[in-house]
Amino acid sequence: MAVALARRVLAEDDARLASWEGVAGRGLLVLLGASASLPWVDGAVYLGRDAAAPSLLLPCALAPDVAASLLERAFVAHAHGTGAKLAVLPASMCLVRMDAARPVSRVTLQTWLDTGSPGDTP
């Protein structure tokens, strides 16, 4: 899924790329931006904020089994920081620190793709 998203992002113009930030890792790509500007990729997980847990980005299609504020408290403590911004990806059992997000760079994203983005399949 991350590879498909990266390819879709690279098809956008430079102005659109400049409006987004992202984090990439092993088989993982998280893109931040205005919801109307984000590209559609079949099977991607779209995240949103819950007013009760503003430090978390949670999957829009899922609801936590516990109060979002309790989930936030537990995850932020796990991330060792009260200022942590975290993307919660339950299907892959990942917590992604979003304070590492940087402006999307076409060169950096292409390099990430060229190195095979280990852990993902095209």
PDB file of N, CA and C in Angstrom:
ATOM      1  N   MET A   1       0.810  -1.185   0.000  1.00  0.00           N
ATOM      2  CA  MET A   1       0.000   0.000   0.000  1.00  0.00           C
ATOM      3  C   MET A   1       0.862   1.262   0.000  1.00  0.00           C
ATOM      4  N   ALA A   2       1.956   1.248   0.749  1.00  0.00           N
ATOM      5  CA  ALA A   2       2.818   2.430   0.819  1.00  0.00           C
ATOM      6  C   ALA A   2       3.427   2.749  -0.540  1.00  0.00           C
ATOM      7  N   VAL A   3       3.784   1.719  -1.286  1.00  0.00           N
ATOM      8  CA  VAL A   3       4.367   1.930  -2.617  1.00  0.00           C
ATOM      9  C   VAL A   3       3.327   2.553  -3.547  1.00  0.00           C
ATOM     10  N   ALA A   4       2.098   2.043  -3.505  1.00  0.00           N
ATOM     11  CA  ALA A   4       1.028   2.598  -4.342  1.00  0.00           C
ATOM     12  C   ALA A   4       0.782   4.066  -3.992  1.00  0.00           C
ATOM     13  N   LEU A   5       0.786   4.375  -2.706  1.00  0.00           N
ATOM     14  CA  LEU A   5       0.600   5.763  -2.287  1.00  0.00           C
ATOM     15  C   LEU A   5       1.754   6.632  -2.774  1.00  0.00           C
ATOM     16  N   ALA A   6       2.974   6.153  -2.633  1.00  0.00           N
ATOM     17  CA  ALA A   6       4.140   6.927  -3.070  1.00  0.00           C
ATOM     18  C   ALA A   6       4.068   7.207  -4.571  1.00  0.00           C
ATOM     19  N   ARG A   7       3.712   6.204  -5.345  1.00  0.00           N
ATOM     20  CA  ARG A   7       3.606   6.403  -6.798  1.00  0.00           C
ATOM     21  C   ARG A   7       2.514   7.415  -7.124  1.00  0.00           C
ATOM     22  N   ARG A   8       1.419   7.337  -6.410  1.00  0.00           N
ATOM     23  CA  ARG A   8       0.309   8.280  -6.631  1.00  0.00           C
ATOM     24  C   ARG A   8       0.737   9.706  -6.267  1.00  0.00           C
ATOM     25  N   VAL A   9       1.467   9.841  -5.172  1.00  0.00           N
ATOM     26  CA  VAL A   9       1.953  11.158  -4.739  1.00  0.00           C
ATOM     27  C   VAL A   9       2.918  11.739  -5.771  1.00  0.00           C
ATOM     28  N   LEU A  10       3.790  10.910  -6.305  1.00  0.00           N
ATOM     29  CA  LEU A  10       4.758  11.389  -7.288  1.00  0.00           C
ATOM     30  C   LEU A  10       4.098  11.853  -8.587  1.00  0.00           C
ATOM     31  N   ALA A  11       2.870  11.432  -8.833  1.00  0.00           N
ATOM     32  CA  ALA A  11       2.149  11.866 -10.033  1.00  0.00           C
ATOM     33  C   ALA A  11       1.585  13.279  -9.881  1.00  0.00           C
ATOM     34  N   GLU A  12       1.606  13.808  -8.670  1.00  0.00           N
ATOM     35  CA  GLU A  12       1.076  15.151  -8.400  1.00  0.00           C
ATOM     36  C   GLU A  12       2.094  16.224  -8.771  1.00  0.00           C
ATOM     37  N   ASP A  13       1.613  17.449  -8.947  1.00  0.00           N
ATOM     38  CA  ASP A  13       2.518  18.547  -9.267  1.00  0.00           C
ATOM     39  C   ASP A  13       3.242  19.031  -8.005  1.00  0.00           C
ATOM     40  N   ASP A  14       4.289  19.825  -8.216  1.00  0.00           N
ATOM     41  CA  ASP A  14       5.129  20.275  -7.098  1.00  0.00           C
ATOM     42  C   ASP A  14       4.366  21.131  -6.097  1.00  0.00           C
ATOM     43  N   ALA A  15       3.400  21.908  -6.556  1.00  0.00           N
ATOM     44  CA  ALA A  15       2.614  22.741  -5.637  1.00  0.00           C
ATOM     45  C   ALA A  15       1.827  21.876  -4.669  1.00  0.00           C
ATOM     46  N   ARG A  16       1.257  20.812  -5.162  1.00  0.00           N
ATOM     47  CA  ARG A  16       0.492  19.909  -4.290  1.00  0.00           C
ATOM     48  C   ARG A  16       1.435  19.221  -3.303  1.00  0.00           C
ATOM     49  N   LEU A  17       2.576  18.726  -3.774  1.00  0.00           N
ATOM     50  CA  LEU A  17       3.537  18.080  -2.883  1.00  0.00           C
ATOM     51  C   LEU A  17       3.963  19.029  -1.769  1.00  0.00           C
ATOM     52  N   ALA A  18       4.139  20.305  -2.105  1.00  0.00           N
ATOM     53  CA  ALA A  18       4.580  21.291  -1.122  1.00  0.00           C
ATOM     54  C   ALA A  18       3.542  21.532  -0.033  1.00  0.00           C
ATOM     55  N   SER A  19       2.303  21.141  -0.277  1.00  0.00           N
ATOM     56  CA  SER A  19       1.247  21.345   0.722  1.00  0.00           C
ATOM     57  C   SER A  19       1.141  20.179   1.703  1.00  0.00           C
ATOM     58  N   TRP A  20       1.912  19.124   1.486  1.00  0.00           N
ATOM     59  CA  TRP A  20       1.839  17.934   2.332  1.00  0.00           C
ATOM     60  C   TRP A  20       3.111  17.751   3.147  1.00  0.00           C
ATOM     61  N   GLU A  21       2.960  17.025   4.249  1.00  0.00           N
ATOM     62  CA  GLU A  21       4.094  16.548   5.043  1.00  0.00           C
ATOM     63  C   GLU A  21       3.954  15.040   5.149  1.00  0.00           C
ATOM     64  N   GLY A  22       5.047  14.363   5.474  1.00  0.00           N
ATOM     65  CA  GLY A  22       4.957  12.916   5.579  1.00  0.00           C
ATOM     66  C   GLY A  22       6.055  12.300   6.407  1.00  0.00           C
ATOM     67  N   VAL A  23       5.823  11.030   6.701  1.00  0.00           N
ATOM     68  CA  VAL A  23       6.779  10.182   7.400  1.00  0.00           C
ATOM     69  C   VAL A  23       6.837   8.878   6.618  1.00  0.00           C
ATOM     70  N   ALA A  24       8.041   8.406   6.358  1.00  0.00           N
ATOM     71  CA  ALA A  24       8.206   7.132   5.656  1.00  0.00           C
ATOM     72  C   ALA A  24       9.109   6.231   6.470  1.00  0.00           C
ATOM     73  N   GLY A  25       8.850   4.955   6.390  1.00  0.00           N
ATOM     74  CA  GLY A  25       9.653   3.963   7.082  1.00  0.00           C
ATOM     75  C   GLY A  25       9.574   2.653   6.334  1.00  0.00           C
ATOM     76  N   ARG A  26       9.912   1.615   6.995  1.00  0.00           N
ATOM     77  CA  ARG A  26       9.913   0.279   6.396  1.00  0.00           C
ATOM     78  C   ARG A  26       8.478  -0.111   6.029  1.00  0.00           C
ATOM     79  N   GLY A  27       8.166  -0.062   4.747  1.00  0.00           N
ATOM     80  CA  GLY A  27       6.853  -0.443   4.270  1.00  0.00           C
ATOM     81  C   GLY A  27       5.740   0.465   4.739  1.00  0.00           C
ATOM     82  N   LEU A  28       6.097   1.714   5.068  1.00  0.00           N
ATOM     83  CA  LEU A  28       5.137   2.628   5.672  1.00  0.00           C
ATOM     84  C   LEU A  28       5.298   4.021   5.099  1.00  0.00           C
ATOM     85  N   LEU A  29       4.166   4.636   4.768  1.00  0.00           N
ATOM     86  CA  LEU A  29       4.165   6.020   4.318  1.00  0.00           C
ATOM     87  C   LEU A  29       2.914   6.667   4.887  1.00  0.00           C
ATOM     88  N   VAL A  30       3.105   7.725   5.683  1.00  0.00           N
ATOM     89  CA  VAL A  30       1.978   8.470   6.254  1.00  0.00           C
ATOM     90  C   VAL A  30       2.070   9.877   5.691  1.00  0.00           C
ATOM     91  N   LEU A  31       0.983  10.317   5.082  1.00  0.00           N
ATOM     92  CA  LEU A  31       0.919  11.613   4.430  1.00  0.00           C
ATOM     93  C   LEU A  31      -0.060  12.498   5.192  1.00  0.00           C
ATOM     94  N   LEU A  32       0.357  13.735   5.480  1.00  0.00           N
ATOM     95  CA  LEU A  32      -0.490  14.701   6.180  1.00  0.00           C
ATOM     96  C   LEU A  32      -0.814  15.865   5.261  1.00  0.00           C
ATOM     97  N   GLY A  33      -2.042  16.301   5.314  1.00  0.00           N
ATOM     98  CA  GLY A  33      -2.447  17.456   4.531  1.00  0.00           C
ATOM     99  C   GLY A  33      -3.936  17.684   4.667  1.00  0.00           C
ATOM    100  N   ALA A  34      -4.421  18.721   4.018  1.00  0.00           N
ATOM    101  CA  ALA A  34      -5.854  18.997   4.023  1.00  0.00           C
ATOM    102  C   ALA A  34      -6.578  17.804   3.408  1.00  0.00           C
ATOM    103  N   SER A  35      -7.639  17.364   4.060  1.00  0.00           N
ATOM    104  CA  SER A  35      -8.309  16.132   3.633  1.00  0.00           C
ATOM    105  C   SER A  35      -8.738  16.173   2.172  1.00  0.00           C
ATOM    106  N   ALA A  36      -9.198  17.313   1.694  1.00  0.00           N
ATOM    107  CA  ALA A  36      -9.655  17.405   0.307  1.00  0.00           C
ATOM    108  C   ALA A  36      -8.500  17.296  -0.689  1.00  0.00           C
ATOM    109  N   SER A  37      -7.271  17.537  -0.229  1.00  0.00           N
ATOM    110  CA  SER A  37      -6.135  17.511  -1.150  1.00  0.00           C
ATOM    111  C   SER A  37      -5.453  16.148  -1.219  1.00  0.00           C
ATOM    112  N   LEU A  38      -5.707  15.293  -0.244  1.00  0.00           N
ATOM    113  CA  LEU A  38      -4.999  14.011  -0.192  1.00  0.00           C
ATOM    114  C   LEU A  38      -5.453  13.079  -1.310  1.00  0.00           C
ATOM    115  N   PRO A  39      -4.507  12.332  -1.887  1.00  0.00           N
ATOM    116  CA  PRO A  39      -4.860  11.435  -2.988  1.00  0.00           C
ATOM    117  C   PRO A  39      -5.629  10.212  -2.495  1.00  0.00           C
ATOM    118  N   TRP A  40      -6.484   9.702  -3.360  1.00  0.00           N
ATOM    119  CA  TRP A  40      -7.194   8.463  -3.065  1.00  0.00           C
ATOM    120  C   TRP A  40      -6.349   7.307  -3.549  1.00  0.00           C
ATOM    121  N   VAL A  41      -6.138   6.323  -2.669  1.00  0.00           N
ATOM    122  CA  VAL A  41      -5.443   5.099  -3.025  1.00  0.00           C
ATOM    123  C   VAL A  41      -6.274   3.959  -2.452  1.00  0.00           C
ATOM    124  N   ASP A  42      -6.715   3.063  -3.314  1.00  0.00           N
ATOM    125  CA  ASP A  42      -7.544   1.951  -2.881  1.00  0.00           C
ATOM    126  C   ASP A  42      -6.831   1.151  -1.791  1.00  0.00           C
ATOM    127  N   GLY A  43      -7.515   0.941  -0.676  1.00  0.00           N
ATOM    128  CA  GLY A  43      -6.975   0.158   0.425  1.00  0.00           C
ATOM    129  C   GLY A  43      -6.174   0.953   1.449  1.00  0.00           C
ATOM    130  N   ALA A  44      -5.933   2.228   1.178  1.00  0.00           N
ATOM    131  CA  ALA A  44      -5.188   3.052   2.141  1.00  0.00           C
ATOM    132  C   ALA A  44      -6.046   3.283   3.382  1.00  0.00           C
ATOM    133  N   VAL A  45      -5.383   3.520   4.497  1.00  0.00           N
ATOM    134  CA  VAL A  45      -6.066   3.837   5.747  1.00  0.00           C
ATOM    135  C   VAL A  45      -6.072   5.354   5.884  1.00  0.00           C
ATOM    136  N   TYR A  46      -7.265   5.928   5.980  1.00  0.00           N
ATOM    137  CA  TYR A  46      -7.391   7.373   6.147  1.00  0.00           C
ATOM    138  C   TYR A  46      -7.605   7.676   7.618  1.00  0.00           C
ATOM    139  N   LEU A  47      -6.868   8.666   8.108  1.00  0.00           N
ATOM    140  CA  LEU A  47      -6.841   8.989   9.527  1.00  0.00           C
ATOM    141  C   LEU A  47      -7.490  10.342   9.777  1.00  0.00           C
ATOM    142  N   GLY A  48      -8.022  10.489  10.973  1.00  0.00           N
ATOM    143  CA  GLY A  48      -8.604  11.757  11.378  1.00  0.00           C
ATOM    144  C   GLY A  48      -8.378  11.982  12.859  1.00  0.00           C
ATOM    145  N   ARG A  49      -8.734  13.153  13.323  1.00  0.00           N
ATOM    146  CA  ARG A  49      -8.574  13.504  14.741  1.00  0.00           C
ATOM    147  C   ARG A  49      -9.900  13.396  15.466  1.00  0.00           C
ATOM    148  N   ASP A  50      -9.817  12.968  16.715  1.00  0.00           N
ATOM    149  CA  ASP A  50     -10.966  12.932  17.620  1.00  0.00           C
ATOM    150  C   ASP A  50     -10.721  14.048  18.631  1.00  0.00           C
ATOM    151  N   ALA A  51     -11.701  14.896  18.845  1.00  0.00           N
ATOM    152  CA  ALA A  51     -11.541  16.023  19.771  1.00  0.00           C
ATOM    153  C   ALA A  51     -11.137  15.553  21.169  1.00  0.00           C
ATOM    154  N   ALA A  52     -11.519  14.339  21.535  1.00  0.00           N
ATOM    155  CA  ALA A  52     -11.183  13.807  22.857  1.00  0.00           C
ATOM    156  C   ALA A  52      -9.738  13.296  22.933  1.00  0.00           C
ATOM    157  N   ALA A  53      -9.086  13.167  21.788  1.00  0.00           N
ATOM    158  CA  ALA A  53      -7.705  12.659  21.747  1.00  0.00           C
ATOM    159  C   ALA A  53      -6.931  13.404  20.657  1.00  0.00           C
ATOM    160  N   PRO A  54      -6.685  14.692  20.847  1.00  0.00           N
ATOM    161  CA  PRO A  54      -6.088  15.505  19.782  1.00  0.00           C
ATOM    162  C   PRO A  54      -4.658  15.137  19.404  1.00  0.00           C
ATOM    163  N   SER A  55      -3.974  14.351  20.227  1.00  0.00           N
ATOM    164  CA  SER A  55      -2.604  13.940  19.903  1.00  0.00           C
ATOM    165  C   SER A  55      -2.566  12.737  18.973  1.00  0.00           C
ATOM    166  N   LEU A  56      -3.725  12.131  18.734  1.00  0.00           N
ATOM    167  CA  LEU A  56      -3.769  10.908  17.921  1.00  0.00           C
ATOM    168  C   LEU A  56      -4.425  11.161  16.577  1.00  0.00           C
ATOM    169  N   LEU A  57      -3.912  10.472  15.575  1.00  0.00           N
ATOM    170  CA  LEU A  57      -4.581  10.348  14.285  1.00  0.00           C
ATOM    171  C   LEU A  57      -5.107   8.919  14.257  1.00  0.00           C
ATOM    172  N   LEU A  58      -6.410   8.783  14.199  1.00  0.00           N
ATOM    173  CA  LEU A  58      -7.063   7.476  14.287  1.00  0.00           C
ATOM    174  C   LEU A  58      -7.726   7.124  12.964  1.00  0.00           C
ATOM    175  N   PRO A  59      -7.796   5.823  12.630  1.00  0.00           N
ATOM    176  CA  PRO A  59      -8.479   5.418  11.397  1.00  0.00           C
ATOM    177  C   PRO A  59      -9.928   5.891  11.391  1.00  0.00           C
ATOM    178  N   CYS A  60     -10.309   6.542  10.309  1.00  0.00           N
ATOM    179  CA  CYS A  60     -11.673   7.090  10.196  1.00  0.00           C
ATOM    180  C   CYS A  60     -12.730   5.988  10.161  1.00  0.00           C
ATOM    181  N   ALA A  61     -12.367   4.816   9.674  1.00  0.00           N
ATOM    182  CA  ALA A  61     -13.342   3.739   9.510  1.00  0.00           C
ATOM    183  C   ALA A  61     -13.474   2.857  10.753  1.00  0.00           C
ATOM    184  N   LEU A  62     -12.742   3.166  11.815  1.00  0.00           N
ATOM    185  CA  LEU A  62     -12.773   2.352  13.036  1.00  0.00           C
ATOM    186  C   LEU A  62     -13.057   3.227  14.248  1.00  0.00           C
ATOM    187  N   ALA A  63     -13.621   2.610  15.263  1.00  0.00           N
ATOM    188  CA  ALA A  63     -13.816   3.290  16.548  1.00  0.00           C
ATOM    189  C   ALA A  63     -13.094   2.470  17.614  1.00  0.00           C
ATOM    190  N   PRO A  64     -12.343   3.120  18.498  1.00  0.00           N
ATOM    191  CA  PRO A  64     -11.645   2.368  19.540  1.00  0.00           C
ATOM    192  C   PRO A  64     -12.633   1.718  20.512  1.00  0.00           C
ATOM    193  N   ASP A  65     -12.219   0.617  21.121  1.00  0.00           N
ATOM    194  CA  ASP A  65     -13.045  -0.092  22.098  1.00  0.00           C
ATOM    195  C   ASP A  65     -13.055   0.606  23.453  1.00  0.00           C
ATOM    196  N   VAL A  66     -12.127   1.541  23.647  1.00  0.00           N
ATOM    197  CA  VAL A  66     -12.046   2.298  24.894  1.00  0.00           C
ATOM    198  C   VAL A  66     -12.187   3.779  24.555  1.00  0.00           C
ATOM    199  N   ALA A  67     -12.407   4.592  25.561  1.00  0.00           N
ATOM    200  CA  ALA A  67     -12.514   6.036  25.334  1.00  0.00           C
ATOM    201  C   ALA A  67     -11.238   6.545  24.670  1.00  0.00           C
ATOM    202  N   ALA A  68     -11.406   7.388  23.655  1.00  0.00           N
ATOM    203  CA  ALA A  68     -10.262   7.904  22.905  1.00  0.00           C
ATOM    204  C   ALA A  68      -9.268   8.617  23.823  1.00  0.00           C
ATOM    205  N   SER A  69      -9.764   9.304  24.845  1.00  0.00           N
ATOM    206  CA  SER A  69      -8.861  10.016  25.761  1.00  0.00           C
ATOM    207  C   SER A  69      -7.977   9.047  26.539  1.00  0.00           C
ATOM    208  N   LEU A  70      -8.518   7.886  26.919  1.00  0.00           N
ATOM    209  CA  LEU A  70      -7.705   6.877  27.617  1.00  0.00           C
ATOM    210  C   LEU A  70      -6.680   6.260  26.673  1.00  0.00           C
ATOM    211  N   LEU A  71      -7.106   6.006  25.470  1.00  0.00           N
ATOM    212  CA  LEU A  71      -6.192   5.469  24.462  1.00  0.00           C
ATOM    213  C   LEU A  71      -5.045   6.446  24.221  1.00  0.00           C
ATOM    214  N   GLU A  72      -5.389   7.725  24.109  1.00  0.00           N
ATOM    215  CA  GLU A  72      -4.376   8.751  23.912  1.00  0.00           C
ATOM    216  C   GLU A  72      -3.385   8.766  25.073  1.00  0.00           C
ATOM    217  N   ARG A  73      -3.886   8.750  26.286  1.00  0.00           N
ATOM    218  CA  ARG A  73      -3.011   8.791  27.460  1.00  0.00           C
ATOM    219  C   ARG A  73      -2.041   7.608  27.449  1.00  0.00           C
ATOM    220  N   ALA A  74      -2.535   6.421  27.138  1.00  0.00           N
ATOM    221  CA  ALA A  74      -1.691   5.227  27.115  1.00  0.00           C
ATOM    222  C   ALA A  74      -0.646   5.298  26.001  1.00  0.00           C
ATOM    223  N   PHE A  75      -1.067   5.701  24.809  1.00  0.00           N
ATOM    224  CA  PHE A  75      -0.136   5.749  23.691  1.00  0.00           C
ATOM    225  C   PHE A  75       0.908   6.839  23.854  1.00  0.00           C
ATOM    226  N   VAL A  76       0.508   7.996  24.342  1.00  0.00           N
ATOM    227  CA  VAL A  76       1.463   9.087  24.542  1.00  0.00           C
ATOM    228  C   VAL A  76       2.483   8.698  25.620  1.00  0.00           C
ATOM    229  N   ALA A  77       2.036   8.027  26.668  1.00  0.00           N
ATOM    230  CA  ALA A  77       2.967   7.550  27.703  1.00  0.00           C
ATOM    231  C   ALA A  77       3.939   6.541  27.108  1.00  0.00           C
ATOM    232  N   HIS A  78       3.425   5.667  26.242  1.00  0.00           N
ATOM    233  CA  HIS A  78       4.274   4.667  25.588  1.00  0.00           C
ATOM    234  C   HIS A  78       5.318   5.339  24.688  1.00  0.00           C
ATOM    235  N   ALA A  79       4.936   6.457  24.086  1.00  0.00           N
ATOM    236  CA  ALA A  79       5.839   7.179  23.183  1.00  0.00           C
ATOM    237  C   ALA A  79       6.809   8.083  23.940  1.00  0.00           C
ATOM    238  N   HIS A  80       6.728   8.068  25.273  1.00  0.00           N
ATOM    239  CA  HIS A  80       7.654   8.833  26.124  1.00  0.00           C
ATOM    240  C   HIS A  80       7.619  10.330  25.858  1.00  0.00           C
ATOM    241  N   GLY A  81       6.432  10.893  25.804  1.00  0.00           N
ATOM    242  CA  GLY A  81       6.384  12.336  25.625  1.00  0.00           C
ATOM    243  C   GLY A  81       4.975  12.869  25.614  1.00  0.00           C
ATOM    244  N   THR A  82       4.746  13.906  26.387  1.00  0.00           N
ATOM    245  CA  THR A  82       3.415  14.483  26.435  1.00  0.00           C
ATOM    246  C   THR A  82       3.095  15.267  25.175  1.00  0.00           C
ATOM    247  N   GLY A  83       4.094  15.678  24.409  1.00  0.00           N
ATOM    248  CA  GLY A  83       3.852  16.439  23.188  1.00  0.00           C
ATOM    249  C   GLY A  83       3.815  15.578  21.942  1.00  0.00           C
ATOM    250  N   ALA A  84       3.855  14.263  22.109  1.00  0.00           N
ATOM    251  CA  ALA A  84       3.903  13.371  20.953  1.00  0.00           C
ATOM    252  C   ALA A  84       2.617  13.435  20.148  1.00  0.00           C
ATOM    253  N   LYS A  85       2.765  13.485  18.826  1.00  0.00           N
ATOM    254  CA  LYS A  85       1.651  13.348  17.892  1.00  0.00           C
ATOM    255  C   LYS A  85       1.830  11.990  17.239  1.00  0.00           C
ATOM    256  N   LEU A  86       0.798  11.154  17.331  1.00  0.00           N
ATOM    257  CA  LEU A  86       0.928   9.769  16.891  1.00  0.00           C
ATOM    258  C   LEU A  86      -0.150   9.377  15.898  1.00  0.00           C
ATOM    259  N   ALA A  87       0.248   8.647  14.864  1.00  0.00           N
ATOM    260  CA  ALA A  87      -0.699   8.014  13.948  1.00  0.00           C
ATOM    261  C   ALA A  87      -0.873   6.575  14.435  1.00  0.00           C
ATOM    262  N   VAL A  88      -2.109   6.160  14.593  1.00  0.00           N
ATOM    263  CA  VAL A  88      -2.425   4.821  15.092  1.00  0.00           C
ATOM    264  C   VAL A  88      -2.857   3.965  13.907  1.00  0.00           C
ATOM    265  N   LEU A  89      -2.092   2.900  13.649  1.00  0.00           N
ATOM    266  CA  LEU A  89      -2.374   2.005  12.532  1.00  0.00           C
ATOM    267  C   LEU A  89      -2.585   0.592  13.075  1.00  0.00           C
ATOM    268  N   PRO A  90      -3.804   0.289  13.532  1.00  0.00           N
ATOM    269  CA  PRO A  90      -4.040  -0.986  14.201  1.00  0.00           C
ATOM    270  C   PRO A  90      -3.804  -2.215  13.336  1.00  0.00           C
ATOM    271  N   ALA A  91      -4.112  -2.177  12.054  1.00  0.00           N
ATOM    272  CA  ALA A  91      -3.957  -3.363  11.204  1.00  0.00           C
ATOM    273  C   ALA A  91      -2.502  -3.811  11.135  1.00  0.00           C
ATOM    274  N   SER A  92      -1.573  -2.855  11.128  1.00  0.00           N
ATOM    275  CA  SER A  92      -0.153  -3.200  11.095  1.00  0.00           C
ATOM    276  C   SER A  92       0.481  -3.127  12.474  1.00  0.00           C
ATOM    277  N   MET A  93      -0.347  -2.853  13.478  1.00  0.00           N
ATOM    278  CA  MET A  93       0.104  -2.742  14.867  1.00  0.00           C
ATOM    279  C   MET A  93       1.241  -1.731  15.001  1.00  0.00           C
ATOM    280  N   CYS A  94       1.061  -0.565  14.373  1.00  0.00           N
ATOM    281  CA  CYS A  94       2.076   0.486  14.398  1.00  0.00           C
ATOM    282  C   CYS A  94       1.561   1.746  15.066  1.00  0.00           C
ATOM    283  N   LEU A  95       2.446   2.380  15.791  1.00  0.00           N
ATOM    284  CA  LEU A  95       2.279   3.742  16.277  1.00  0.00           C
ATOM    285  C   LEU A  95       3.376   4.543  15.596  1.00  0.00           C
ATOM    286  N   VAL A  96       3.010   5.577  14.881  1.00  0.00           N
ATOM    287  CA  VAL A  96       3.993   6.348  14.131  1.00  0.00           C
ATOM    288  C   VAL A  96       4.076   7.747  14.726  1.00  0.00           C
ATOM    289  N   ARG A  97       5.280   8.136  15.139  1.00  0.00           N
ATOM    290  CA  ARG A  97       5.487   9.488  15.677  1.00  0.00           C
ATOM    291  C   ARG A  97       5.428  10.478  14.525  1.00  0.00           C
ATOM    292  N   MET A  98       4.427  11.336  14.564  1.00  0.00           N
ATOM    293  CA  MET A  98       4.230  12.287  13.485  1.00  0.00           C
ATOM    294  C   MET A  98       5.003  13.581  13.698  1.00  0.00           C
ATOM    295  N   ASP A  99       5.633  13.741  14.861  1.00  0.00           N
ATOM    296  CA  ASP A  99       6.464  14.924  15.051  1.00  0.00           C
ATOM    297  C   ASP A  99       7.707  14.846  14.170  1.00  0.00           C
ATOM    298  N   ALA A 100       7.943  13.690  13.557  1.00  0.00           N
ATOM    299  CA  ALA A 100       9.051  13.527  12.616  1.00  0.00           C
ATOM    300  C   ALA A 100       8.640  13.891  11.189  1.00  0.00           C
ATOM    301  N   ALA A 101       7.386  14.267  10.970  1.00  0.00           N
ATOM    302  CA  ALA A 101       6.905  14.595   9.621  1.00  0.00           C
ATOM    303  C   ALA A 101       7.675  15.770   9.036  1.00  0.00           C
ATOM    304  N   ARG A 102       7.993  15.648   7.765  1.00  0.00           N
ATOM    305  CA  ARG A 102       8.724  16.685   7.039  1.00  0.00           C
ATOM    306  C   ARG A 102       7.980  16.990   5.740  1.00  0.00           C
ATOM    307  N   PRO A 103       8.224  18.154   5.148  1.00  0.00           N
ATOM    308  CA  PRO A 103       7.612  18.450   3.858  1.00  0.00           C
ATOM    309  C   PRO A 103       7.941  17.353   2.841  1.00  0.00           C
ATOM    310  N   VAL A 104       6.967  17.017   2.010  1.00  0.00           N
ATOM    311  CA  VAL A 104       7.169  15.976   1.004  1.00  0.00           C
ATOM    312  C   VAL A 104       8.130  16.499  -0.061  1.00  0.00           C
ATOM    313  N   SER A 105       9.151  15.726  -0.300  1.00  0.00           N
ATOM    314  CA  SER A 105      10.154  16.041  -1.314  1.00  0.00           C
ATOM    315  C   SER A 105      10.100  14.965  -2.389  1.00  0.00           C
ATOM    316  N   ARG A 106       9.948  15.389  -3.619  1.00  0.00           N
ATOM    317  CA  ARG A 106       9.899  14.439  -4.733  1.00  0.00           C
ATOM    318  C   ARG A 106      11.167  13.576  -4.765  1.00  0.00           C
ATOM    319  N   VAL A 107      12.320  14.206  -4.560  1.00  0.00           N
ATOM    320  CA  VAL A 107      13.599  13.482  -4.598  1.00  0.00           C
ATOM    321  C   VAL A 107      13.665  12.451  -3.469  1.00  0.00           C
ATOM    322  N   THR A 108      13.311  12.862  -2.260  1.00  0.00           N
ATOM    323  CA  THR A 108      13.361  11.940  -1.114  1.00  0.00           C
ATOM    324  C   THR A 108      12.382  10.787  -1.296  1.00  0.00           C
ATOM    325  N   LEU A 109      11.184  11.083  -1.774  1.00  0.00           N
ATOM    326  CA  LEU A 109      10.188  10.036  -1.978  1.00  0.00           C
ATOM    327  C   LEU A 109      10.625   9.069  -3.072  1.00  0.00           C
ATOM    328  N   GLN A 110      11.200   9.593  -4.145  1.00  0.00           N
ATOM    329  CA  GLN A 110      11.681   8.713  -5.216  1.00  0.00           C
ATOM    330  C   GLN A 110      12.829   7.838  -4.715  1.00  0.00           C
ATOM    331  N   THR A 111      13.712   8.399  -3.906  1.00  0.00           N
ATOM    332  CA  THR A 111      14.812   7.616  -3.324  1.00  0.00           C
ATOM    333  C   THR A 111      14.264   6.507  -2.444  1.00  0.00           C
ATOM    334  N   TRP A 112      13.246   6.836  -1.641  1.00  0.00           N
ATOM    335  CA  TRP A 112      12.613   5.824  -0.785  1.00  0.00           C
ATOM    336  C   TRP A 112      12.056   4.691  -1.642  1.00  0.00           C
ATOM    337  N   LEU A 113      11.399   5.027  -2.743  1.00  0.00           N
ATOM    338  CA  LEU A 113      10.867   4.008  -3.653  1.00  0.00           C
ATOM    339  C   LEU A 113      11.982   3.186  -4.290  1.00  0.00           C
ATOM    340  N   ASP A 114      13.039   3.861  -4.722  1.00  0.00           N
ATOM    341  CA  ASP A 114      14.139   3.186  -5.413  1.00  0.00           C
ATOM    342  C   ASP A 114      14.886   2.210  -4.521  1.00  0.00           C
ATOM    343  N   THR A 115      14.873   2.463  -3.204  1.00  0.00           N
ATOM    344  CA  THR A 115      15.562   1.552  -2.288  1.00  0.00           C
ATOM    345  C   THR A 115      14.697   0.348  -1.950  1.00  0.00           C
ATOM    346  N   GLY A 116      13.514   0.303  -2.529  1.00  0.00           N
ATOM    347  CA  GLY A 116      12.663  -0.863  -2.361  1.00  0.00           C
ATOM    348  C   GLY A 116      11.719  -0.763  -1.185  1.00  0.00           C
ATOM    349  N   SER A 117      11.717   0.353  -0.466  1.00  0.00           N
ATOM    350  CA  SER A 117      10.872   0.532   0.715  1.00  0.00           C
ATOM    351  C   SER A 117      10.621  -0.807   1.395  1.00  0.00           C
ATOM    352  N   PRO A 118      11.688  -1.401   1.966  1.00  0.00           N
ATOM    353  CA  PRO A 118      11.609  -2.737   2.542  1.00  0.00           C
ATOM    354  C   PRO A 118      10.359  -2.955   3.380  1.00  0.00           C
ATOM    355  N   GLY A 119       9.787  -4.138   3.238  1.00  0.00           N
ATOM    356  CA  GLY A 119       8.610  -4.486   4.018  1.00  0.00           C
ATOM    357  C   GLY A 119       7.317  -4.267   3.278  1.00  0.00           C
ATOM    358  N   ASP A 120       7.362  -3.655   2.112  1.00  0.00           N
ATOM    359  CA  ASP A 120       6.143  -3.402   1.342  1.00  0.00           C
ATOM    360  C   ASP A 120       6.229  -4.132   0.025  1.00  0.00           C
ATOM    361  N   THR A 121       5.101  -4.412  -0.561  1.00  0.00           N
ATOM    362  CA  THR A 121       5.062  -5.008  -1.877  1.00  0.00           C
ATOM    363  C   THR A 121       4.393  -4.043  -2.830  1.00  0.00           C
ATOM    364  N   PRO A 122       4.881  -3.968  -4.060  1.00  0.00           N
ATOM    365  CA  PRO A 122       4.307  -3.020  -5.022  1.00  0.00           C
ATOM    366  C   PRO A 122       2.857  -3.258  -5.337  1.00  0.00           C
TER     367      PRO A 122
END
